[in-house]
Structure formats: structure tokens, C-alpha cells
């Protein structure tokens, strides 16, 4: 992890939260949910928030509409994708391409992209953003975060080190 830029309070920040990845990590590690309000405030850290986007999957569970509304109340814009069921019964839904496209598009308008995910597929995105002069910060649970993602980012905040802050 090398520093492209240091943190200062007039940086423009975009927070991109991979809700599916965070949910599964918090559930499998702690059987708890993410505190998105804390995630947002810590991610912004007294800097200028340009966009906060939570990428969510609609799986037709009864609680999810309330969850989507809560994210919006906190200050996240929600992007919702329906889960796909294939002929063999398998299900798939992920936002990897959407998150990457948004990050690349936002790179011209922000100084910092905060990726809230542990998915190693985003390590190439980190390298690209940093090459473009954007600081990349990753927030996720260390034990379920790919090493290549940690290595590709300017900084990594392990949510597990502050459970009382980031878990409900």
C-alpha cells in the first residue's frame, strides 16, 4: 500500500458500498448486520461527500424494502438489481461491473473512492483508479477480504477491529 495522496478535509469523496459482500461477511463472521450510518460517516471522515451509493440485490425477502429505505434515509443512493434464477435453479446477482463503471466515471469528479467490499475482483479497479490519481480506501472485514485488494488500495480499514462501531 503506497500513498497517492494524504487525507485532508477538502477532499471530494465517493463511497461505494457492495451491500451483498458486506452482508454476507457480517452474517457469516458475526451473525450481525452492518451499521451503514457509521460506515458512511467513517468513510467520509469530515471530507466532502460527492456520492454515496449502496449496491443492493432484490431477493424478494420481506425485510429488504425497509432496508433499502433505511439506506436512503442514512444518505445512500441505492442501486437495486434483481437476483437472477437460472434454469438449473442456481441464483446469481452481483454488482462488480456496475460498481467498477461508477468508480471509473466518478474518478473525474472525486479525489477519493472508498470501496466498501472485500471482493478481490476490485483489485484491478484500485490499480486503475490510483493510476488516474484517485486515492482508494477499502473498508471491509479483514478475514474475508482478499489480500490482493488490500495490497492494491492506498489504505485498508478493517471493520472487525471496530465491531462496536460497524455492527448492529
Protein backbone atom coordinates (compact mmCIF):
# COMPACT_ATOMS: atom_id res chain seq x y z
CA UNK A 1 0.00 0.00 0.00
CA UNK A 2 1.55 3.24 -1.14
CA UNK A 3 0.03 6.65 -0.61
CA UNK A 4 -1.06 8.52 -3.71
CA UNK A 5 -2.34 11.38 -1.58
CA UNK A 6 -2.70 12.01 2.11
CA UNK A 7 -6.08 12.62 3.70
CA UNK A 8 -7.18 16.23 4.02
CA UNK A 9 -10.57 17.73 4.75
CA UNK A 10 -11.27 19.37 1.39
CA UNK A 11 -11.05 16.06 -0.50
CA UNK A 12 -14.11 15.07 -2.50
CA UNK A 13 -15.18 11.53 -1.62
CA UNK A 14 -17.38 8.86 -3.19
CA UNK A 15 -18.45 5.89 -1.05
CA UNK A 16 -19.34 2.73 -2.99
CA UNK A 17 -20.79 0.00 -0.77
CA UNK A 18 -21.13 -3.56 -2.03
CA UNK A 19 -24.04 -4.39 0.29
CA UNK A 20 -24.16 -8.05 -0.72
CA UNK A 21 -20.49 -8.61 0.12
CA UNK A 22 -20.74 -6.71 3.43
CA UNK A 23 -23.95 -8.51 4.42
CA UNK A 24 -22.53 -11.98 3.83
CA UNK A 25 -19.30 -11.16 5.67
CA UNK A 26 -21.11 -9.67 8.69
CA UNK A 27 -23.57 -12.57 8.79
CA UNK A 28 -21.02 -15.37 8.41
CA UNK A 29 -18.50 -13.85 10.83
CA UNK A 30 -20.81 -12.33 13.46
CA UNK A 31 -24.46 -13.15 12.62
CA UNK A 32 -24.99 -9.39 12.75
CA UNK A 33 -25.75 -6.56 10.34
CA UNK A 34 -23.69 -3.61 9.15
CA UNK A 35 -24.22 -0.16 10.66
CA UNK A 36 -24.37 1.81 7.41
CA UNK A 37 -24.60 5.14 9.21
CA UNK A 38 -21.22 4.51 10.86
CA UNK A 39 -19.82 3.15 7.61
CA UNK A 40 -20.79 6.36 5.83
CA UNK A 41 -19.54 8.76 8.50
CA UNK A 42 -16.21 6.95 8.93
CA UNK A 43 -15.78 6.64 5.17
CA UNK A 44 -16.35 10.36 4.65
CA UNK A 45 -14.29 11.37 7.73
CA UNK A 46 -15.06 15.12 7.67
CA UNK A 47 -14.35 15.37 3.95
CA UNK A 48 -16.78 16.49 1.22
CA UNK A 49 -19.20 13.71 0.22
CA UNK A 50 -19.94 13.76 -3.51
CA UNK A 51 -21.85 10.46 -3.82
CA UNK A 52 -22.67 7.54 -1.54
CA UNK A 53 -24.05 4.55 -3.40
CA UNK A 54 -25.16 1.24 -1.91
CA UNK A 55 -25.43 -1.59 -4.42
CA UNK A 56 -28.13 -4.00 -3.31
CA UNK A 57 -29.77 -7.16 -4.56
CA UNK A 58 -33.54 -7.64 -4.51
CA UNK A 59 -34.22 -11.24 -3.49
CA UNK A 60 -37.87 -10.78 -2.50
CA UNK A 61 -37.31 -11.12 1.21
CA UNK A 62 -39.83 -9.30 3.41
CA UNK A 63 -37.32 -7.03 5.17
CA UNK A 64 -35.48 -5.75 2.13
CA UNK A 65 -37.69 -2.80 1.15
CA UNK A 66 -37.33 -1.43 4.70
CA UNK A 67 -33.56 -1.95 4.40
CA UNK A 68 -33.44 -0.08 1.07
CA UNK A 69 -35.44 2.82 2.59
CA UNK A 70 -33.16 2.90 5.64
CA UNK A 71 -30.11 3.18 3.38
CA UNK A 72 -31.72 6.14 1.62
CA UNK A 73 -32.59 7.79 4.95
CA UNK A 74 -28.93 7.46 6.03
CA UNK A 75 -27.80 9.19 2.83
CA UNK A 76 -27.05 6.41 0.38
CA UNK A 77 -28.38 6.36 -3.13
CA UNK A 78 -29.47 2.76 -3.74
CA UNK A 79 -28.90 0.86 -6.93
CA UNK A 80 -31.03 -2.26 -6.97
CA UNK A 81 -30.56 -5.36 -9.09
CA UNK A 82 -32.95 -8.30 -9.14
CA UNK A 83 -31.49 -11.71 -8.39
CA UNK A 84 -31.39 -13.98 -11.46
CA UNK A 85 -32.54 -17.58 -11.21
CA UNK A 86 -31.18 -19.90 -13.87
CA UNK A 87 -32.79 -22.99 -15.38
CA UNK A 88 -30.82 -25.29 -13.07
CA UNK A 89 -32.13 -23.42 -10.03
CA UNK A 90 -28.87 -21.61 -9.30
CA UNK A 91 -29.07 -17.91 -8.46
CA UNK A 92 -26.67 -15.12 -9.25
CA UNK A 93 -26.51 -11.42 -8.72
CA UNK A 94 -23.54 -9.16 -8.31
CA UNK A 95 -22.68 -5.57 -8.92
CA UNK A 96 -18.98 -5.93 -9.87
CA UNK A 97 -19.32 -4.35 -13.31
CA UNK A 98 -21.74 -1.64 -12.12
CA UNK A 99 -19.54 -0.66 -9.18
CA UNK A 100 -16.47 -0.56 -11.44
CA UNK A 101 -18.20 1.58 -14.07
CA UNK A 102 -19.45 4.03 -11.45
CA UNK A 103 -15.99 4.25 -9.85
CA UNK A 104 -14.31 4.96 -13.20
CA UNK A 105 -16.98 7.56 -14.07
CA UNK A 106 -16.71 9.24 -10.65
CA UNK A 107 -12.90 9.30 -10.81
CA UNK A 108 -13.07 12.59 -12.75
CA UNK A 109 -15.17 14.20 -10.01
CA UNK A 110 -13.59 12.98 -6.75
CA UNK A 111 -10.23 12.79 -5.03
CA UNK A 112 -11.04 9.62 -3.07
CA UNK A 113 -13.07 6.49 -3.76
CA UNK A 114 -13.95 4.44 -0.69
CA UNK A 115 -14.78 0.86 -1.66
CA UNK A 116 -16.75 -0.99 0.99
CA UNK A 117 -16.15 -4.57 -0.08
CA UNK A 118 -13.70 -7.39 0.44
CA UNK A 119 -14.03 -8.73 -3.10
CA UNK A 120 -10.64 -9.30 -4.72
CA UNK A 121 -12.17 -8.72 -8.15
CA UNK A 122 -11.84 -5.00 -7.38
CA UNK A 123 -8.03 -5.03 -7.06
CA UNK A 124 -7.60 -4.19 -10.76
CA UNK A 125 -10.06 -1.31 -10.33
CA UNK A 126 -7.97 0.03 -7.42
CA UNK A 127 -4.84 -0.04 -9.57
CA UNK A 128 -6.64 1.80 -12.37
CA UNK A 129 -8.07 4.49 -10.08
CA UNK A 130 -4.72 5.07 -8.41
CA UNK A 131 -3.06 5.35 -11.83
CA UNK A 132 -5.64 8.09 -12.56
CA UNK A 133 -4.56 9.93 -9.39
CA UNK A 134 -7.50 8.92 -7.20
CA UNK A 135 -6.87 7.79 -3.64
CA UNK A 136 -8.52 4.41 -2.96
CA UNK A 137 -9.58 3.41 0.54
CA UNK A 138 -11.08 0.00 1.28
CA UNK A 139 -13.34 -0.73 4.25
CA UNK A 140 -14.21 -4.38 4.91
CA UNK A 141 -13.73 -7.27 7.32
CA UNK A 142 -10.07 -8.30 7.19
CA UNK A 143 -10.66 -12.03 7.47
CA UNK A 144 -12.98 -12.01 4.46
CA UNK A 145 -11.04 -9.51 2.35
CA UNK A 146 -8.80 -10.62 -0.49
CA UNK A 147 -5.11 -9.87 0.11
CA UNK A 148 -4.77 -8.51 -3.44
CA UNK A 149 -7.47 -5.91 -2.69
CA UNK A 150 -5.71 -4.75 0.49
CA UNK A 151 -2.41 -4.56 -1.42
CA UNK A 152 -3.96 -2.58 -4.29
CA UNK A 153 -5.54 0.11 -2.08
CA UNK A 154 -3.96 3.20 -0.54
CA UNK A 155 -5.46 2.29 2.82
CA UNK A 156 -7.46 -0.52 4.38
CA UNK A 157 -9.77 -0.15 7.36
CA UNK A 158 -10.60 -3.50 8.96
CA UNK A 159 -14.20 -3.25 10.19
CA UNK A 160 -13.52 -6.19 12.53
CA UNK A 161 -11.17 -4.03 14.61
CA UNK A 162 -14.12 -1.76 15.48
CA UNK A 163 -17.06 -4.17 15.78
CA UNK A 164 -18.89 -1.88 18.20
CA UNK A 165 -18.82 0.89 15.57
CA UNK A 166 -19.65 -1.02 12.41
CA UNK A 167 -22.01 -3.78 13.52
CA UNK A 168 -25.59 -3.55 14.76
